[in-house]
Each structure stands twice: as C-alpha cells, then as structure tokens.
Amino acid sequence: MTPDLIDGEDREQLRHEILRLRDQALGAEVQCQYLRDRVAELEDQVAERDARIAEWKDRVAERDTRIAERDTRIAERDAEILRLRVDLNRPAIIRLARRIARRPLPDA
C-alpha cells in the first residue's frame, strides 16, 4: 500500500477548491450564454434599424424626385409667364387692347 500524500485536512481544502472552481466555471458558462443571447438581440435590433434607415432613404429619394419634378414644372410655368408678358408688351397688342378698352360697352 502506498501512504497517502495528502492528509485529510488538505484533501478537504482541495475538494472545496475544486467545487469553487466548478461553480465559477458554471457561472462563466451561464454568463457566456447570456452574452451570446444579448449579442443576438442586439444584432436583431441593428438589422431592424438598418431596415428602417433604408426605408427612410427610399422615402427621401422619392420626395427629392417629386420636388425636382415640381421645380421643373415651376420653371416651365415661369418661362411661359415670361413669354406671355413679352407677347402682352408688344406694341400691336397694346394698341389693340387700348382700342378695345375705349369702345363703349354694348347695352344689355
């Protein structure tokens, strides 16, 4: 028989240390799983946020397109108004308008 190299008190201390380290390892595993779950939640939140950002970018692009189309229509109308003003300022039209304005109104 071989003599015990560790006496009873040392053996009990080692057993407690082993149990403490096992509990610590289990706690670390639980914490790791919690952190993995939390990372997955955060990744889902980021994906949702990215989807919302993409949706808003599309909305802004549509709005910008509508604004550009509206600005084009306004510029076309401004050019038409300018052409009408030029036409109205022509001497022949002015003379005709004056003649029409001097005519007596027909009796009703």
PDB file of N, CA and C in Angstrom:
ATOM      1  N   MET A   1       0.827  -1.179   0.000  1.00  0.00           N
ATOM      2  CA  MET A   1       0.000   0.000   0.000  1.00  0.00           C
ATOM      3  C   MET A   1       0.873   1.245   0.000  1.00  0.00           C
ATOM      4  N   THR A   2       0.387   2.229  -0.693  1.00  0.00           N
ATOM      5  CA  THR A   2       1.132   3.488  -0.720  1.00  0.00           C
ATOM      6  C   THR A   2       0.567   4.422   0.327  1.00  0.00           C
ATOM      7  N   PRO A   3       1.430   5.115   0.997  1.00  0.00           N
ATOM      8  CA  PRO A   3       0.936   6.045   2.015  1.00  0.00           C
ATOM      9  C   PRO A   3       0.258   7.239   1.346  1.00  0.00           C
ATOM     10  N   ASP A   4      -0.762   7.783   1.997  1.00  0.00           N
ATOM     11  CA  ASP A   4      -1.444   8.986   1.480  1.00  0.00           C
ATOM     12  C   ASP A   4      -0.472  10.162   1.503  1.00  0.00           C
ATOM     13  N   LEU A   5      -0.389  10.844   0.360  1.00  0.00           N
ATOM     14  CA  LEU A   5       0.485  12.017   0.288  1.00  0.00           C
ATOM     15  C   LEU A   5      -0.230  13.270   0.800  1.00  0.00           C
ATOM     16  N   ILE A   6      -1.570  13.193   0.849  1.00  0.00           N
ATOM     17  CA  ILE A   6      -2.347  14.346   1.277  1.00  0.00           C
ATOM     18  C   ILE A   6      -3.134  13.938   2.513  1.00  0.00           C
ATOM     19  N   ASP A   7      -3.022  14.716   3.553  1.00  0.00           N
ATOM     20  CA  ASP A   7      -3.776  14.364   4.755  1.00  0.00           C
ATOM     21  C   ASP A   7      -5.231  14.794   4.599  1.00  0.00           C
ATOM     22  N   GLY A   8      -6.060  14.466   5.537  1.00  0.00           N
ATOM     23  CA  GLY A   8      -7.498  14.716   5.468  1.00  0.00           C
ATOM     24  C   GLY A   8      -7.855  16.182   5.340  1.00  0.00           C
ATOM     25  N   GLU A   9      -7.180  17.046   6.046  1.00  0.00           N
ATOM     26  CA  GLU A   9      -7.493  18.480   6.002  1.00  0.00           C
ATOM     27  C   GLU A   9      -7.161  19.062   4.631  1.00  0.00           C
ATOM     28  N   ASP A  10      -6.003  18.700   4.091  1.00  0.00           N
ATOM     29  CA  ASP A  10      -5.619  19.165   2.748  1.00  0.00           C
ATOM     30  C   ASP A  10      -6.587  18.633   1.704  1.00  0.00           C
ATOM     31  N   ARG A  11      -6.995  17.395   1.889  1.00  0.00           N
ATOM     32  CA  ARG A  11      -7.930  16.784   0.950  1.00  0.00           C
ATOM     33  C   ARG A  11      -9.249  17.567   0.949  1.00  0.00           C
ATOM     34  N   GLU A  12      -9.722  17.966   2.098  1.00  0.00           N
ATOM     35  CA  GLU A  12     -10.976  18.726   2.217  1.00  0.00           C
ATOM     36  C   GLU A  12     -10.823  20.110   1.575  1.00  0.00           C
ATOM     37  N   GLN A  13      -9.680  20.744   1.781  1.00  0.00           N
ATOM     38  CA  GLN A  13      -9.433  22.051   1.148  1.00  0.00           C
ATOM     39  C   GLN A  13      -9.415  21.927  -0.375  1.00  0.00           C
ATOM     40  N   LEU A  14      -8.783  20.881  -0.870  1.00  0.00           N
ATOM     41  CA  LEU A  14      -8.745  20.664  -2.327  1.00  0.00           C
ATOM     42  C   LEU A  14     -10.144  20.413  -2.872  1.00  0.00           C
ATOM     43  N   ARG A  15     -10.922  19.618  -2.123  1.00  0.00           N
ATOM     44  CA  ARG A  15     -12.291  19.340  -2.576  1.00  0.00           C
ATOM     45  C   ARG A  15     -13.101  20.643  -2.639  1.00  0.00           C
ATOM     46  N   HIS A  16     -12.966  21.507  -1.636  1.00  0.00           N
ATOM     47  CA  HIS A  16     -13.656  22.798  -1.640  1.00  0.00           C
ATOM     48  C   HIS A  16     -13.170  23.675  -2.795  1.00  0.00           C
ATOM     49  N   GLU A  17     -11.885  23.671  -3.041  1.00  0.00           N
ATOM     50  CA  GLU A  17     -11.327  24.473  -4.147  1.00  0.00           C
ATOM     51  C   GLU A  17     -11.863  23.970  -5.487  1.00  0.00           C
ATOM     52  N   ILE A  18     -11.929  22.646  -5.641  1.00  0.00           N
ATOM     53  CA  ILE A  18     -12.461  22.064  -6.881  1.00  0.00           C
ATOM     54  C   ILE A  18     -13.920  22.458  -7.052  1.00  0.00           C
ATOM     55  N   LEU A  19     -14.718  22.373  -5.994  1.00  0.00           N
ATOM     56  CA  LEU A  19     -16.126  22.762  -6.063  1.00  0.00           C
ATOM     57  C   LEU A  19     -16.265  24.253  -6.383  1.00  0.00           C
ATOM     58  N   ARG A  20     -15.428  25.072  -5.760  1.00  0.00           N
ATOM     59  CA  ARG A  20     -15.475  26.517  -6.031  1.00  0.00           C
ATOM     60  C   ARG A  20     -15.147  26.815  -7.493  1.00  0.00           C
ATOM     61  N   LEU A  21     -14.111  26.139  -8.000  1.00  0.00           N
ATOM     62  CA  LEU A  21     -13.726  26.357  -9.405  1.00  0.00           C
ATOM     63  C   LEU A  21     -14.795  25.832 -10.350  1.00  0.00           C
ATOM     64  N   ARG A  22     -15.436  24.710 -10.008  1.00  0.00           N
ATOM     65  CA  ARG A  22     -16.515  24.170 -10.839  1.00  0.00           C
ATOM     66  C   ARG A  22     -17.692  25.157 -10.861  1.00  0.00           C
ATOM     67  N   ASP A  23     -18.051  25.705  -9.693  1.00  0.00           N
ATOM     68  CA  ASP A  23     -19.126  26.703  -9.637  1.00  0.00           C
ATOM     69  C   ASP A  23     -18.767  27.945 -10.448  1.00  0.00           C
ATOM     70  N   GLN A  24     -17.523  28.347 -10.340  1.00  0.00           N
ATOM     71  CA  GLN A  24     -17.058  29.514 -11.093  1.00  0.00           C
ATOM     72  C   GLN A  24     -17.156  29.241 -12.594  1.00  0.00           C
ATOM     73  N   ALA A  25     -16.759  28.042 -13.015  1.00  0.00           N
ATOM     74  CA  ALA A  25     -16.824  27.676 -14.434  1.00  0.00           C
ATOM     75  C   ALA A  25     -18.277  27.643 -14.911  1.00  0.00           C
ATOM     76  N   LEU A  26     -19.177  27.084 -14.096  1.00  0.00           N
ATOM     77  CA  LEU A  26     -20.597  27.053 -14.467  1.00  0.00           C
ATOM     78  C   LEU A  26     -21.149  28.469 -14.571  1.00  0.00           C
ATOM     79  N   GLY A  27     -20.759  29.328 -13.634  1.00  0.00           N
ATOM     80  CA  GLY A  27     -21.192  30.727 -13.688  1.00  0.00           C
ATOM     81  C   GLY A  27     -20.702  31.410 -14.954  1.00  0.00           C
ATOM     82  N   ALA A  28     -19.481  31.119 -15.329  1.00  0.00           N
ATOM     83  CA  ALA A  28     -18.923  31.707 -16.559  1.00  0.00           C
ATOM     84  C   ALA A  28     -19.678  31.207 -17.783  1.00  0.00           C
ATOM     85  N   GLU A  29     -20.049  29.928 -17.789  1.00  0.00           N
ATOM     86  CA  GLU A  29     -20.810  29.378 -18.915  1.00  0.00           C
ATOM     87  C   GLU A  29     -22.181  30.037 -19.011  1.00  0.00           C
ATOM     88  N   VAL A  30     -22.834  30.225 -17.863  1.00  0.00           N
ATOM     89  CA  VAL A  30     -24.143  30.887 -17.852  1.00  0.00           C
ATOM     90  C   VAL A  30     -24.004  32.319 -18.358  1.00  0.00           C
ATOM     91  N   GLN A  31     -22.977  33.014 -17.883  1.00  0.00           N
ATOM     92  CA  GLN A  31     -22.760  34.385 -18.322  1.00  0.00           C
ATOM     93  C   GLN A  31     -22.452  34.440 -19.816  1.00  0.00           C
ATOM     94  N   CYS A  32     -21.665  33.495 -20.310  1.00  0.00           N
ATOM     95  CA  CYS A  32     -21.362  33.448 -21.752  1.00  0.00           C
ATOM     96  C   CYS A  32     -22.638  33.245 -22.564  1.00  0.00           C
ATOM     97  N   GLN A  33     -23.507  32.353 -22.105  1.00  0.00           N
ATOM     98  CA  GLN A  33     -24.757  32.119 -22.827  1.00  0.00           C
ATOM     99  C   GLN A  33     -25.630  33.374 -22.809  1.00  0.00           C
ATOM    100  N   TYR A  34     -25.690  34.036 -21.653  1.00  0.00           N
ATOM    101  CA  TYR A  34     -26.444  35.291 -21.566  1.00  0.00           C
ATOM    102  C   TYR A  34     -25.886  36.313 -22.553  1.00  0.00           C
ATOM    103  N   LEU A  35     -24.578  36.426 -22.600  1.00  0.00           N
ATOM    104  CA  LEU A  35     -23.945  37.389 -23.506  1.00  0.00           C
ATOM    105  C   LEU A  35     -24.187  37.016 -24.960  1.00  0.00           C
ATOM    106  N   ARG A  36     -24.155  35.725 -25.283  1.00  0.00           N
ATOM    107  CA  ARG A  36     -24.460  35.294 -26.659  1.00  0.00           C
ATOM    108  C   ARG A  36     -25.890  35.696 -27.028  1.00  0.00           C
ATOM    109  N   ASP A  37     -26.828  35.450 -26.096  1.00  0.00           N
ATOM    110  CA  ASP A  37     -28.226  35.815 -26.343  1.00  0.00           C
ATOM    111  C   ASP A  37     -28.370  37.322 -26.504  1.00  0.00           C
ATOM    112  N   ARG A  38     -27.668  38.065 -25.666  1.00  0.00           N
ATOM    113  CA  ARG A  38     -27.744  39.530 -25.742  1.00  0.00           C
ATOM    114  C   ARG A  38     -27.173  40.041 -27.058  1.00  0.00           C
ATOM    115  N   VAL A  39     -26.080  39.451 -27.499  1.00  0.00           N
ATOM    116  CA  VAL A  39     -25.489  39.836 -28.792  1.00  0.00           C
ATOM    117  C   VAL A  39     -26.485  39.555 -29.921  1.00  0.00           C
ATOM    118  N   ALA A  40     -27.159  38.411 -29.862  1.00  0.00           N
ATOM    119  CA  ALA A  40     -28.149  38.075 -30.892  1.00  0.00           C
ATOM    120  C   ALA A  40     -29.288  39.102 -30.889  1.00  0.00           C
ATOM    121  N   GLU A  41     -29.747  39.496 -29.701  1.00  0.00           N
ATOM    122  CA  GLU A  41     -30.796  40.523 -29.607  1.00  0.00           C
ATOM    123  C   GLU A  41     -30.328  41.838 -30.224  1.00  0.00           C
ATOM    124  N   LEU A  42     -29.123  42.230 -29.889  1.00  0.00           N
ATOM    125  CA  LEU A  42     -28.590  43.491 -30.415  1.00  0.00           C
ATOM    126  C   LEU A  42     -28.407  43.434 -31.926  1.00  0.00           C
ATOM    127  N   GLU A  43     -27.979  42.291 -32.439  1.00  0.00           N
ATOM    128  CA  GLU A  43     -27.843  42.145 -33.892  1.00  0.00           C
ATOM    129  C   GLU A  43     -29.200  42.268 -34.569  1.00  0.00           C
ATOM    130  N   ASP A  44     -30.256  41.700 -33.952  1.00  0.00           N
ATOM    131  CA  ASP A  44     -31.614  41.843 -34.495  1.00  0.00           C
ATOM    132  C   ASP A  44     -32.050  43.305 -34.488  1.00  0.00           C
ATOM    133  N   GLN A  45     -31.748  43.997 -33.400  1.00  0.00           N
ATOM    134  CA  GLN A  45     -32.102  45.414 -33.318  1.00  0.00           C
ATOM    135  C   GLN A  45     -31.375  46.231 -34.380  1.00  0.00           C
ATOM    136  N   VAL A  46     -30.120  45.924 -34.593  1.00  0.00           N
ATOM    137  CA  VAL A  46     -29.347  46.636 -35.623  1.00  0.00           C
ATOM    138  C   VAL A  46     -29.941  46.361 -37.009  1.00  0.00           C
ATOM    139  N   ALA A  47     -30.315  45.114 -37.263  1.00  0.00           N
ATOM    140  CA  ALA A  47     -30.920  44.772 -38.557  1.00  0.00           C
ATOM    141  C   ALA A  47     -32.237  45.528 -38.755  1.00  0.00           C
ATOM    142  N   GLU A  48     -33.053  45.605 -37.708  1.00  0.00           N
ATOM    143  CA  GLU A  48     -34.308  46.362 -37.797  1.00  0.00           C
ATOM    144  C   GLU A  48     -34.033  47.843 -38.045  1.00  0.00           C
ATOM    145  N   ARG A  49     -33.048  48.375 -37.339  1.00  0.00           N
ATOM    146  CA  ARG A  49     -32.695  49.780 -37.527  1.00  0.00           C
ATOM    147  C   ARG A  49     -32.210  50.034 -38.949  1.00  0.00           C
ATOM    148  N   ASP A  50     -31.380  49.133 -39.457  1.00  0.00           N
ATOM    149  CA  ASP A  50     -30.874  49.279 -40.825  1.00  0.00           C
ATOM    150  C   ASP A  50     -32.019  49.243 -41.836  1.00  0.00           C
ATOM    151  N   ALA A  51     -33.020  48.386 -41.572  1.00  0.00           N
ATOM    152  CA  ALA A  51     -34.173  48.308 -42.462  1.00  0.00           C
ATOM    153  C   ALA A  51     -34.957  49.619 -42.429  1.00  0.00           C
ATOM    154  N   ARG A  52     -35.131  50.182 -41.237  1.00  0.00           N
ATOM    155  CA  ARG A  52     -35.840  51.468 -41.125  1.00  0.00           C
ATOM    156  C   ARG A  52     -35.066  52.581 -41.822  1.00  0.00           C
ATOM    157  N   ILE A  53     -33.751  52.570 -41.674  1.00  0.00           N
ATOM    158  CA  ILE A  53     -32.926  53.587 -42.340  1.00  0.00           C
ATOM    159  C   ILE A  53     -33.073  53.462 -43.857  1.00  0.00           C
ATOM    160  N   ALA A  54     -33.042  52.245 -44.361  1.00  0.00           N
ATOM    161  CA  ALA A  54     -33.199  52.040 -45.811  1.00  0.00           C
ATOM    162  C   ALA A  54     -34.568  52.530 -46.278  1.00  0.00           C
ATOM    163  N   GLU A  55     -35.595  52.255 -45.468  1.00  0.00           N
ATOM    164  CA  GLU A  55     -36.944  52.715 -45.819  1.00  0.00           C
ATOM    165  C   GLU A  55     -37.004  54.236 -45.865  1.00  0.00           C
ATOM    166  N   TRP A  56     -36.406  54.893 -44.893  1.00  0.00           N
ATOM    167  CA  TRP A  56     -36.403  56.355 -44.879  1.00  0.00           C
ATOM    168  C   TRP A  56     -35.578  56.924 -46.028  1.00  0.00           C
ATOM    169  N   LYS A  57     -34.478  56.261 -46.360  1.00  0.00           N
ATOM    170  CA  LYS A  57     -33.693  56.725 -47.515  1.00  0.00           C
ATOM    171  C   LYS A  57     -34.530  56.660 -48.784  1.00  0.00           C
ATOM    172  N   ASP A  58     -35.315  55.589 -48.939  1.00  0.00           N
ATOM    173  CA  ASP A  58     -36.200  55.467 -50.104  1.00  0.00           C
ATOM    174  C   ASP A  58     -37.243  56.579 -50.102  1.00  0.00           C
ATOM    175  N   ARG A  59     -37.817  56.855 -48.938  1.00  0.00           N
ATOM    176  CA  ARG A  59     -38.818  57.924 -48.846  1.00  0.00           C
ATOM    177  C   ARG A  59     -38.210  59.279 -49.210  1.00  0.00           C
ATOM    178  N   VAL A  60     -37.010  59.533 -48.707  1.00  0.00           N
ATOM    179  CA  VAL A  60     -36.348  60.807 -49.005  1.00  0.00           C
ATOM    180  C   VAL A  60     -36.046  60.901 -50.499  1.00  0.00           C
ATOM    181  N   ALA A  61     -35.604  59.803 -51.088  1.00  0.00           N
ATOM    182  CA  ALA A  61     -35.320  59.805 -52.531  1.00  0.00           C
ATOM    183  C   ALA A  61     -36.594  60.086 -53.331  1.00  0.00           C
ATOM    184  N   GLU A  62     -37.717  59.475 -52.930  1.00  0.00           N
ATOM    185  CA  GLU A  62     -38.988  59.739 -53.612  1.00  0.00           C
ATOM    186  C   GLU A  62     -39.377  61.208 -53.468  1.00  0.00           C
ATOM    187  N   ARG A  63     -39.232  61.734 -52.248  1.00  0.00           N
ATOM    188  CA  ARG A  63     -39.563  63.137 -52.015  1.00  0.00           C
ATOM    189  C   ARG A  63     -38.689  64.049 -52.861  1.00  0.00           C
ATOM    190  N   ASP A  64     -37.398  63.757 -52.916  1.00  0.00           N
ATOM    191  CA  ASP A  64     -36.483  64.567 -53.718  1.00  0.00           C
ATOM    192  C   ASP A  64     -36.869  64.529 -55.191  1.00  0.00           C
ATOM    193  N   THR A  65     -37.298  63.358 -55.654  1.00  0.00           N
ATOM    194  CA  THR A  65     -37.744  63.239 -57.047  1.00  0.00           C
ATOM    195  C   THR A  65     -38.976  64.097 -57.286  1.00  0.00           C
ATOM    196  N   ARG A  66     -39.944  64.033 -56.356  1.00  0.00           N
ATOM    197  CA  ARG A  66     -41.160  64.852 -56.514  1.00  0.00           C
ATOM    198  C   ARG A  66     -40.823  66.335 -56.479  1.00  0.00           C
ATOM    199  N   ILE A  67     -39.907  66.723 -55.615  1.00  0.00           N
ATOM    200  CA  ILE A  67     -39.513  68.132 -55.534  1.00  0.00           C
ATOM    201  C   ILE A  67     -38.846  68.570 -56.836  1.00  0.00           C
ATOM    202  N   ALA A  68     -37.980  67.725 -57.369  1.00  0.00           N
ATOM    203  CA  ALA A  68     -37.306  68.066 -58.634  1.00  0.00           C
ATOM    204  C   ALA A  68     -38.325  68.192 -59.766  1.00  0.00           C
ATOM    205  N   GLU A  69     -39.305  67.295 -59.800  1.00  0.00           N
ATOM    206  CA  GLU A  69     -40.348  67.371 -60.840  1.00  0.00           C
ATOM    207  C   GLU A  69     -41.167  68.648 -60.671  1.00  0.00           C
ATOM    208  N   ARG A  70     -41.517  68.979 -59.414  1.00  0.00           N
ATOM    209  CA  ARG A  70     -42.270  70.208 -59.149  1.00  0.00           C
ATOM    210  C   ARG A  70     -41.461  71.429 -59.557  1.00  0.00           C
ATOM    211  N   ASP A  71     -40.170  71.448 -59.235  1.00  0.00           N
ATOM    212  CA  ASP A  71     -39.321  72.578 -59.604  1.00  0.00           C
ATOM    213  C   ASP A  71     -39.235  72.727 -61.121  1.00  0.00           C
ATOM    214  N   THR A  72     -39.196  71.601 -61.824  1.00  0.00           N
ATOM    215  CA  THR A  72     -39.174  71.647 -63.289  1.00  0.00           C
ATOM    216  C   THR A  72     -40.469  72.251 -63.814  1.00  0.00           C
ATOM    217  N   ARG A  73     -41.619  71.827 -63.257  1.00  0.00           N
ATOM    218  CA  ARG A  73     -42.906  72.387 -63.702  1.00  0.00           C
ATOM    219  C   ARG A  73     -42.981  73.879 -63.399  1.00  0.00           C
ATOM    220  N   ILE A  74     -42.485  74.283 -62.237  1.00  0.00           N
ATOM    221  CA  ILE A  74     -42.493  75.708 -61.888  1.00  0.00           C
ATOM    222  C   ILE A  74     -41.629  76.500 -62.868  1.00  0.00           C
ATOM    223  N   ALA A  75     -40.460  75.968 -63.197  1.00  0.00           N
ATOM    224  CA  ALA A  75     -39.580  76.652 -64.151  1.00  0.00           C
ATOM    225  C   ALA A  75     -40.243  76.750 -65.524  1.00  0.00           C
ATOM    226  N   GLU A  76     -40.944  75.688 -65.942  1.00  0.00           N
ATOM    227  CA  GLU A  76     -41.647  75.727 -67.233  1.00  0.00           C
ATOM    228  C   GLU A  76     -42.757  76.769 -67.202  1.00  0.00           C
ATOM    229  N   ARG A  77     -43.491  76.855 -66.100  1.00  0.00           N
ATOM    230  CA  ARG A  77     -44.562  77.854 -65.993  1.00  0.00           C
ATOM    231  C   ARG A  77     -43.990  79.264 -65.932  1.00  0.00           C
ATOM    232  N   ASP A  78     -42.875  79.433 -65.231  1.00  0.00           N
ATOM    233  CA  ASP A  78     -42.236  80.749 -65.190  1.00  0.00           C
ATOM    234  C   ASP A  78     -41.820  81.191 -66.593  1.00  0.00           C
ATOM    235  N   ALA A  79     -41.282  80.261 -67.362  1.00  0.00           N
ATOM    236  CA  ALA A  79     -40.880  80.584 -68.745  1.00  0.00           C
ATOM    237  C   ALA A  79     -42.108  80.934 -69.580  1.00  0.00           C
ATOM    238  N   GLU A  80     -43.219  80.220 -69.376  1.00  0.00           N
ATOM    239  CA  GLU A  80     -44.446  80.508 -70.121  1.00  0.00           C
ATOM    240  C   GLU A  80     -44.993  81.883 -69.734  1.00  0.00           C
ATOM    241  N   ILE A  81     -44.965  82.216 -68.458  1.00  0.00           N
ATOM    242  CA  ILE A  81     -45.433  83.524 -67.994  1.00  0.00           C
ATOM    243  C   ILE A  81     -44.564  84.621 -68.597  1.00  0.00           C
ATOM    244  N   LEU A  82     -43.288  84.394 -68.645  1.00  0.00           N
ATOM    245  CA  LEU A  82     -42.381  85.381 -69.247  1.00  0.00           C
ATOM    246  C   LEU A  82     -42.710  85.572 -70.725  1.00  0.00           C
ATOM    247  N   ARG A  83     -42.943  84.467 -71.433  1.00  0.00           N
ATOM    248  CA  ARG A  83     -43.304  84.589 -72.852  1.00  0.00           C
ATOM    249  C   ARG A  83     -44.615  85.362 -73.014  1.00  0.00           C
ATOM    250  N   LEU A  84     -45.594  85.098 -72.147  1.00  0.00           N
ATOM    251  CA  LEU A  84     -46.867  85.815 -72.225  1.00  0.00           C
ATOM    252  C   LEU A  84     -46.672  87.302 -71.938  1.00  0.00           C
ATOM    253  N   ARG A  85     -45.816  87.629 -70.978  1.00  0.00           N
ATOM    254  CA  ARG A  85     -45.551  89.035 -70.683  1.00  0.00           C
ATOM    255  C   ARG A  85     -44.899  89.721 -71.880  1.00  0.00           C
ATOM    256  N   VAL A  86     -43.986  89.028 -72.510  1.00  0.00           N
ATOM    257  CA  VAL A  86     -43.336  89.594 -73.701  1.00  0.00           C
ATOM    258  C   VAL A  86     -44.383  89.821 -74.787  1.00  0.00           C
ATOM    259  N   ASP A  87     -45.256  88.823 -74.981  1.00  0.00           N
ATOM    260  CA  ASP A  87     -46.303  88.962 -76.006  1.00  0.00           C
ATOM    261  C   ASP A  87     -47.243  90.115 -75.659  1.00  0.00           C
ATOM    262  N   LEU A  88     -47.588  90.252 -74.388  1.00  0.00           N
ATOM    263  CA  LEU A  88     -48.505  91.315 -73.981  1.00  0.00           C
ATOM    264  C   LEU A  88     -47.862  92.690 -74.099  1.00  0.00           C
ATOM    265  N   ASN A  89     -46.571  92.772 -74.051  1.00  0.00           N
ATOM    266  CA  ASN A  89     -45.892  94.062 -74.155  1.00  0.00           C
ATOM    267  C   ASN A  89     -45.630  94.474 -75.600  1.00  0.00           C
ATOM    268  N   ARG A  90     -46.024  93.661 -76.549  1.00  0.00           N
ATOM    269  CA  ARG A  90     -45.811  94.020 -77.959  1.00  0.00           C
ATOM    270  C   ARG A  90     -46.727  95.194 -78.321  1.00  0.00           C
ATOM    271  N   PRO A  91     -46.213  96.133 -79.086  1.00  0.00           N
ATOM    272  CA  PRO A  91     -46.969  97.353 -79.418  1.00  0.00           C
ATOM    273  C   PRO A  91     -48.320  97.080 -80.071  1.00  0.00           C
ATOM    274  N   ALA A  92     -48.396  96.126 -80.978  1.00  0.00           N
ATOM    275  CA  ALA A  92     -49.661  95.872 -81.670  1.00  0.00           C
ATOM    276  C   ALA A  92     -50.721  95.402 -80.682  1.00  0.00           C
ATOM    277  N   ILE A  93     -50.324  94.575 -79.769  1.00  0.00           N
ATOM    278  CA  ILE A  93     -51.272  94.064 -78.788  1.00  0.00           C
ATOM    279  C   ILE A  93     -51.701  95.191 -77.856  1.00  0.00           C
ATOM    280  N   ILE A  94     -50.758  96.047 -77.510  1.00  0.00           N
ATOM    281  CA  ILE A  94     -51.080  97.177 -76.625  1.00  0.00           C
ATOM    282  C   ILE A  94     -52.076  98.091 -77.315  1.00  0.00           C
ATOM    283  N   ARG A  95     -51.852  98.398 -78.598  1.00  0.00           N
ATOM    284  CA  ARG A  95     -52.774  99.264 -79.340  1.00  0.00           C
ATOM    285  C   ARG A  95     -54.157  98.635 -79.428  1.00  0.00           C
ATOM    286  N   LEU A  96     -54.193  97.329 -79.686  1.00  0.00           N
ATOM    287  CA  LEU A  96     -55.477  96.630 -79.794  1.00  0.00           C
ATOM    288  C   LEU A  96     -56.190  96.653 -78.442  1.00  0.00           C
ATOM    289  N   ALA A  97     -55.466  96.426 -77.386  1.00  0.00           N
ATOM    290  CA  ALA A  97     -56.078  96.434 -76.058  1.00  0.00           C
ATOM    291  C   ALA A  97     -56.615  97.820 -75.731  1.00  0.00           C
ATOM    292  N   ARG A  98     -55.898  98.880 -76.131  1.00  0.00           N
ATOM    293  CA  ARG A  98     -56.368 100.248 -75.880  1.00  0.00           C
ATOM    294  C   ARG A  98     -57.638 100.537 -76.664  1.00  0.00           C
ATOM    295  N   ARG A  99     -57.660 100.089 -77.914  1.00  0.00           N
ATOM    296  CA  ARG A  99     -58.857 100.298 -78.738  1.00  0.00           C
ATOM    297  C   ARG A  99     -60.060  99.594 -78.130  1.00  0.00           C
ATOM    298  N   ILE A 100     -59.831  98.374 -77.708  1.00  0.00           N
ATOM    299  CA  ILE A 100     -60.930  97.611 -77.114  1.00  0.00           C
ATOM    300  C   ILE A 100     -61.380  98.280 -75.826  1.00  0.00           C
ATOM    301  N   ALA A 101     -60.448  98.799 -75.069  1.00  0.00           N
ATOM    302  CA  ALA A 101     -60.798  99.442 -73.809  1.00  0.00           C
ATOM    303  C   ALA A 101     -61.576 100.713 -74.027  1.00  0.00           C
ATOM    304  N   ARG A 102     -61.366 101.436 -75.164  1.00  0.00           N
ATOM    305  CA  ARG A 102     -62.071 102.694 -75.451  1.00  0.00           C
ATOM    306  C   ARG A 102     -63.470 102.469 -75.997  1.00  0.00           C
ATOM    307  N   ARG A 103     -63.733 101.297 -76.479  1.00  0.00           N
ATOM    308  CA  ARG A 103     -65.069 101.039 -77.059  1.00  0.00           C
ATOM    309  C   ARG A 103     -66.133 101.094 -75.960  1.00  0.00           C
ATOM    310  N   PRO A 104     -67.255 101.605 -76.320  1.00  0.00           N
ATOM    311  CA  PRO A 104     -68.336 101.597 -75.332  1.00  0.00           C
ATOM    312  C   PRO A 104     -68.865 100.170 -75.160  1.00  0.00           C
ATOM    313  N   LEU A 105     -69.295  99.899 -73.974  1.00  0.00           N
ATOM    314  CA  LEU A 105     -69.844  98.573 -73.704  1.00  0.00           C
ATOM    315  C   LEU A 105     -71.220  98.470 -74.367  1.00  0.00           C
ATOM    316  N   PRO A 106     -71.520  97.319 -74.937  1.00  0.00           N
ATOM    317  CA  PRO A 106     -72.853  97.164 -75.556  1.00  0.00           C
ATOM    318  C   PRO A 106     -73.939  97.184 -74.466  1.00  0.00           C
ATOM    319  N   ASP A 107     -75.052  97.795 -74.825  1.00  0.00           N
ATOM    320  CA  ASP A 107     -76.159  97.837 -73.862  1.00  0.00           C
ATOM    321  C   ASP A 107     -76.771  96.448 -73.780  1.00  0.00           C
ATOM    322  N   ALA A 108     -77.059  96.105 -72.599  1.00  0.00           N
ATOM    323  CA  ALA A 108     -77.616  94.784 -72.398  1.00  0.00           C
ATOM    324  C   ALA A 108     -79.104  94.789 -72.425  1.00  0.00           C
TER     325      ALA A 108
END
